Amino acid sequence: MPTLEETRIRNRFRVQPHHANNYETLHGGNLMKWLDEVSAMSAMRFAGETCVTARVNELDFEQPILIGDTALVEGYVYEAGRTSAHVALRAWREEPTTGETELTTRSSFVFVAIDAEGSPVPVPDLAVESEEGERLRERAYETLE
């Protein structure tokens, strides 16, 4: 049974001019793509199967990420269904020279595990065995309320 902490993925993306909109900030579509990629990795690590995006529950852009900043994206499975993995996501604007961060985005995606033919397959139960895992799960539920 995979643990919540084992599903935690953090990735960084350097924001270049070709990622930007007219306001010289990260285009929301690019950030959504990065959120989807990180959450898919988290879901697949949890399920041990290929997973596909089934739903974006919400996507709240709270602050912009500027050209030259680093987008720090984190995702982890906080809940499992019969064939689904629910992934909590956050993104931060990170200043590359100092490492200072500012929360910019919160979201939650749902993935479905599939077999080679594309049919849904069962996923394991999710274990939350540590204080850190409990804290992350509670944070996910608080964010989504």
C-alpha atoms as a PDB file:
ATOM      1  CA  MET A   1       0.000   0.000   0.000  1.00  0.00           C
ATOM      2  CA  PRO A   2       1.658   3.268  -1.121  1.00  0.00           C
ATOM      3  CA  THR A   3       1.950   6.110   1.366  1.00  0.00           C
ATOM      4  CA  LEU A   4       0.936   9.683   0.717  1.00  0.00           C
ATOM      5  CA  GLU A   5       4.527  10.825   1.129  1.00  0.00           C
ATOM      6  CA  GLU A   6       5.738   8.327  -1.490  1.00  0.00           C
ATOM      7  CA  THR A   7       3.479  10.027  -4.045  1.00  0.00           C
ATOM      8  CA  ARG A   8       4.866  13.516  -3.388  1.00  0.00           C
ATOM      9  CA  ILE A   9       6.546  15.016  -6.460  1.00  0.00           C
ATOM     10  CA  ARG A  10       8.229  18.426  -6.639  1.00  0.00           C
ATOM     11  CA  ASN A  11       9.494  19.813  -9.925  1.00  0.00           C
ATOM     12  CA  ARG A  12      10.870  23.132 -11.113  1.00  0.00           C
ATOM     13  CA  PHE A  13      10.355  24.859 -14.448  1.00  0.00           C
ATOM     14  CA  ARG A  14      12.279  27.934 -15.570  1.00  0.00           C
ATOM     15  CA  VAL A  15       9.847  30.539 -16.983  1.00  0.00           C
ATOM     16  CA  GLN A  16      11.157  31.678 -20.365  1.00  0.00           C
ATOM     17  CA  PRO A  17       9.738  34.368 -22.689  1.00  0.00           C
ATOM     18  CA  HIS A  18       8.019  31.731 -24.870  1.00  0.00           C
ATOM     19  CA  HIS A  19       6.019  30.632 -21.767  1.00  0.00           C
ATOM     20  CA  ALA A  20       4.656  34.161 -21.215  1.00  0.00           C
ATOM     21  CA  ASN A  21       1.485  36.034 -22.063  1.00  0.00           C
ATOM     22  CA  ASN A  22       1.162  39.700 -23.138  1.00  0.00           C
ATOM     23  CA  TYR A  23       1.843  40.825 -19.558  1.00  0.00           C
ATOM     24  CA  GLU A  24       5.244  39.071 -19.413  1.00  0.00           C
ATOM     25  CA  THR A  25       3.968  36.585 -16.854  1.00  0.00           C
ATOM     26  CA  LEU A  26       3.610  32.838 -17.141  1.00  0.00           C
ATOM     27  CA  HIS A  27       0.668  31.926 -19.374  1.00  0.00           C
ATOM     28  CA  GLY A  28      -1.923  30.027 -17.342  1.00  0.00           C
ATOM     29  CA  GLY A  29      -2.076  27.279 -19.955  1.00  0.00           C
ATOM     30  CA  ASN A  30       1.633  26.546 -19.524  1.00  0.00           C
ATOM     31  CA  LEU A  31       1.253  26.327 -15.760  1.00  0.00           C
ATOM     32  CA  MET A  32      -1.763  24.051 -16.174  1.00  0.00           C
ATOM     33  CA  LYS A  33       0.325  21.754 -18.392  1.00  0.00           C
ATOM     34  CA  TRP A  34       3.076  21.601 -15.758  1.00  0.00           C
ATOM     35  CA  LEU A  35       0.504  20.913 -13.022  1.00  0.00           C
ATOM     36  CA  ASP A  36      -0.912  18.094 -15.154  1.00  0.00           C
ATOM     37  CA  GLU A  37       2.533  16.575 -15.742  1.00  0.00           C
ATOM     38  CA  VAL A  38       3.520  16.617 -12.069  1.00  0.00           C
ATOM     39  CA  SER A  39       0.147  15.298 -10.921  1.00  0.00           C
ATOM     40  CA  ALA A  40       0.264  12.493 -13.519  1.00  0.00           C
ATOM     41  CA  MET A  41       3.664  11.408 -12.182  1.00  0.00           C
ATOM     42  CA  SER A  42       2.275  11.418  -8.650  1.00  0.00           C
ATOM     43  CA  ALA A  43      -0.818   9.431  -9.644  1.00  0.00           C
ATOM     44  CA  MET A  44       1.229   6.854 -11.565  1.00  0.00           C
ATOM     45  CA  ARG A  45       3.677   6.441  -8.683  1.00  0.00           C
ATOM     46  CA  PHE A  46       0.663   5.765  -6.442  1.00  0.00           C
ATOM     47  CA  ALA A  47      -1.288   3.478  -8.777  1.00  0.00           C
ATOM     48  CA  GLY A  48       1.609   1.596 -10.333  1.00  0.00           C
ATOM     49  CA  GLU A  49      -0.304   1.992 -13.606  1.00  0.00           C
ATOM     50  CA  THR A  50      -0.678   4.481 -16.424  1.00  0.00           C
ATOM     51  CA  CYS A  51      -3.019   7.250 -15.305  1.00  0.00           C
ATOM     52  CA  VAL A  52      -4.991   9.761 -17.335  1.00  0.00           C
ATOM     53  CA  THR A  53      -6.499  13.083 -16.326  1.00  0.00           C
ATOM     54  CA  ALA A  54     -10.208  12.731 -15.626  1.00  0.00           C
ATOM     55  CA  ARG A  55     -11.038  16.034 -13.974  1.00  0.00           C
ATOM     56  CA  VAL A  56      -9.663  19.375 -12.871  1.00  0.00           C
ATOM     57  CA  ASN A  57     -11.616  20.210  -9.729  1.00  0.00           C
ATOM     58  CA  GLU A  58     -10.427  23.775  -9.488  1.00  0.00           C
ATOM     59  CA  LEU A  59      -7.561  25.944 -10.552  1.00  0.00           C
ATOM     60  CA  ASP A  60      -6.987  29.141  -8.590  1.00  0.00           C
ATOM     61  CA  PHE A  61      -4.347  31.533  -9.927  1.00  0.00           C
ATOM     62  CA  GLU A  62      -3.595  33.777  -6.950  1.00  0.00           C
ATOM     63  CA  GLN A  63      -0.359  35.491  -8.033  1.00  0.00           C
ATOM     64  CA  PRO A  64       1.540  35.762 -11.337  1.00  0.00           C
ATOM     65  CA  ILE A  65       4.864  34.106 -12.060  1.00  0.00           C
ATOM     66  CA  LEU A  66       7.240  36.367 -13.959  1.00  0.00           C
ATOM     67  CA  ILE A  67       9.626  35.661 -16.811  1.00  0.00           C
ATOM     68  CA  GLY A  68      12.930  34.677 -15.220  1.00  0.00           C
ATOM     69  CA  ASP A  69      11.284  33.167 -12.149  1.00  0.00           C
ATOM     70  CA  THR A  70      11.174  29.459 -11.457  1.00  0.00           C
ATOM     71  CA  ALA A  71       7.790  27.778 -11.145  1.00  0.00           C
ATOM     72  CA  LEU A  72       7.979  25.251  -8.309  1.00  0.00           C
ATOM     73  CA  VAL A  73       5.172  22.686  -8.659  1.00  0.00           C
ATOM     74  CA  GLU A  74       4.246  20.127  -6.001  1.00  0.00           C
ATOM     75  CA  GLY A  75       1.676  17.340  -6.163  1.00  0.00           C
ATOM     76  CA  TYR A  76       0.699  14.348  -4.054  1.00  0.00           C
ATOM     77  CA  VAL A  77      -2.151  11.869  -3.870  1.00  0.00           C
ATOM     78  CA  TYR A  78      -4.343  12.697  -0.882  1.00  0.00           C
ATOM     79  CA  GLU A  79      -7.306  10.409  -1.581  1.00  0.00           C
ATOM     80  CA  ALA A  80      -8.035   7.267  -3.598  1.00  0.00           C
ATOM     81  CA  GLY A  81     -11.213   5.918  -5.119  1.00  0.00           C
ATOM     82  CA  ARG A  82     -11.795   2.517  -6.685  1.00  0.00           C
ATOM     83  CA  THR A  83      -9.926   3.398  -9.910  1.00  0.00           C
ATOM     84  CA  SER A  84      -9.001   7.025  -9.207  1.00  0.00           C
ATOM     85  CA  ALA A  85      -6.306   9.070  -7.530  1.00  0.00           C
ATOM     86  CA  HIS A  86      -7.032  12.588  -6.267  1.00  0.00           C
ATOM     87  CA  VAL A  87      -3.946  14.798  -6.451  1.00  0.00           C
ATOM     88  CA  ALA A  88      -3.489  18.034  -4.506  1.00  0.00           C
ATOM     89  CA  LEU A  89      -1.362  20.612  -6.300  1.00  0.00           C
ATOM     90  CA  ARG A  90       0.351  23.840  -5.422  1.00  0.00           C
ATOM     91  CA  ALA A  91       2.683  26.101  -7.349  1.00  0.00           C
ATOM     92  CA  TRP A  92       5.036  28.772  -6.111  1.00  0.00           C
ATOM     93  CA  ARG A  93       6.957  31.568  -7.747  1.00  0.00           C
ATOM     94  CA  GLU A  94      10.589  30.992  -6.811  1.00  0.00           C
ATOM     95  CA  GLU A  95      13.272  33.636  -7.152  1.00  0.00           C
ATOM     96  CA  PRO A  96      16.143  31.632  -8.675  1.00  0.00           C
ATOM     97  CA  THR A  97      19.033  33.454  -6.987  1.00  0.00           C
ATOM     98  CA  THR A  98      17.650  33.532  -3.435  1.00  0.00           C
ATOM     99  CA  GLY A  99      15.203  30.616  -3.337  1.00  0.00           C
ATOM    100  CA  GLU A 100      12.494  32.880  -1.897  1.00  0.00           C
ATOM    101  CA  THR A 101       9.038  31.538  -2.706  1.00  0.00           C
ATOM    102  CA  GLU A 102       5.496  32.893  -2.916  1.00  0.00           C
ATOM    103  CA  LEU A 103       2.447  30.664  -3.274  1.00  0.00           C
ATOM    104  CA  THR A 104       0.750  31.396  -6.596  1.00  0.00           C
ATOM    105  CA  THR A 105      -1.606  28.549  -7.448  1.00  0.00           C
ATOM    106  CA  ARG A 106      -3.761  25.857  -5.820  1.00  0.00           C
ATOM    107  CA  SER A 107      -5.516  23.054  -7.613  1.00  0.00           C
ATOM    108  CA  SER A 108      -6.763  19.488  -7.464  1.00  0.00           C
ATOM    109  CA  PHE A 109      -6.845  16.972 -10.323  1.00  0.00           C
ATOM    110  CA  VAL A 110      -8.409  13.527 -10.499  1.00  0.00           C
ATOM    111  CA  PHE A 111      -6.709  10.732 -12.450  1.00  0.00           C
ATOM    112  CA  VAL A 112      -7.994   7.321 -13.482  1.00  0.00           C
ATOM    113  CA  ALA A 113      -5.669   4.323 -13.694  1.00  0.00           C
ATOM    114  CA  ILE A 114      -5.978   2.431 -16.991  1.00  0.00           C
ATOM    115  CA  ASP A 115      -4.681  -0.767 -18.563  1.00  0.00           C
ATOM    116  CA  ALA A 116      -3.100  -1.132 -22.018  1.00  0.00           C
ATOM    117  CA  GLU A 117      -6.546  -1.166 -23.656  1.00  0.00           C
ATOM    118  CA  GLY A 118      -7.587   2.052 -21.893  1.00  0.00           C
ATOM    119  CA  SER A 119     -10.013   0.418 -19.455  1.00  0.00           C
ATOM    120  CA  PRO A 120     -10.067   1.600 -15.818  1.00  0.00           C
ATOM    121  CA  VAL A 121      -8.259  -0.645 -13.326  1.00  0.00           C
ATOM    122  CA  PRO A 122      -8.382  -0.677  -9.515  1.00  0.00           C
ATOM    123  CA  VAL A 123      -5.860   1.339  -7.510  1.00  0.00           C
ATOM    124  CA  PRO A 124      -4.445   0.398  -4.096  1.00  0.00           C
ATOM    125  CA  ASP A 125      -5.535   1.953  -0.834  1.00  0.00           C
ATOM    126  CA  LEU A 126      -3.626   5.048   0.240  1.00  0.00           C
ATOM    127  CA  ALA A 127      -1.769   4.868   3.539  1.00  0.00           C
ATOM    128  CA  VAL A 128      -1.165   7.949   5.669  1.00  0.00           C
ATOM    129  CA  GLU A 129       1.396   6.784   8.217  1.00  0.00           C
ATOM    130  CA  SER A 130       3.234   9.866   9.413  1.00  0.00           C
ATOM    131  CA  GLU A 131       2.528  13.259  10.931  1.00  0.00           C
ATOM    132  CA  GLU A 132       3.798  14.874   7.728  1.00  0.00           C
ATOM    133  CA  GLY A 133       1.402  12.755   5.660  1.00  0.00           C
ATOM    134  CA  GLU A 134      -1.493  13.759   7.935  1.00  0.00           C
ATOM    135  CA  ARG A 135      -0.488  17.416   7.656  1.00  0.00           C
ATOM    136  CA  LEU A 136      -0.372  17.239   3.859  1.00  0.00           C
ATOM    137  CA  ARG A 137      -3.740  15.469   3.660  1.00  0.00           C
ATOM    138  CA  GLU A 138      -5.345  18.049   5.975  1.00  0.00           C
ATOM    139  CA  ARG A 139      -3.809  20.852   3.901  1.00  0.00           C
ATOM    140  CA  ALA A 140      -5.335  19.340   0.758  1.00  0.00           C
ATOM    141  CA  TYR A 141      -8.802  19.147   2.297  1.00  0.00           C
ATOM    142  CA  GLU A 142      -8.562  22.703   3.701  1.00  0.00           C
ATOM    143  CA  THR A 143      -7.448  24.053   0.331  1.00  0.00           C
ATOM    144  CA  LEU A 144     -10.330  22.353  -1.449  1.00  0.00           C
ATOM    145  CA  GLU A 145     -13.106  23.568   0.857  1.00  0.00           C
END
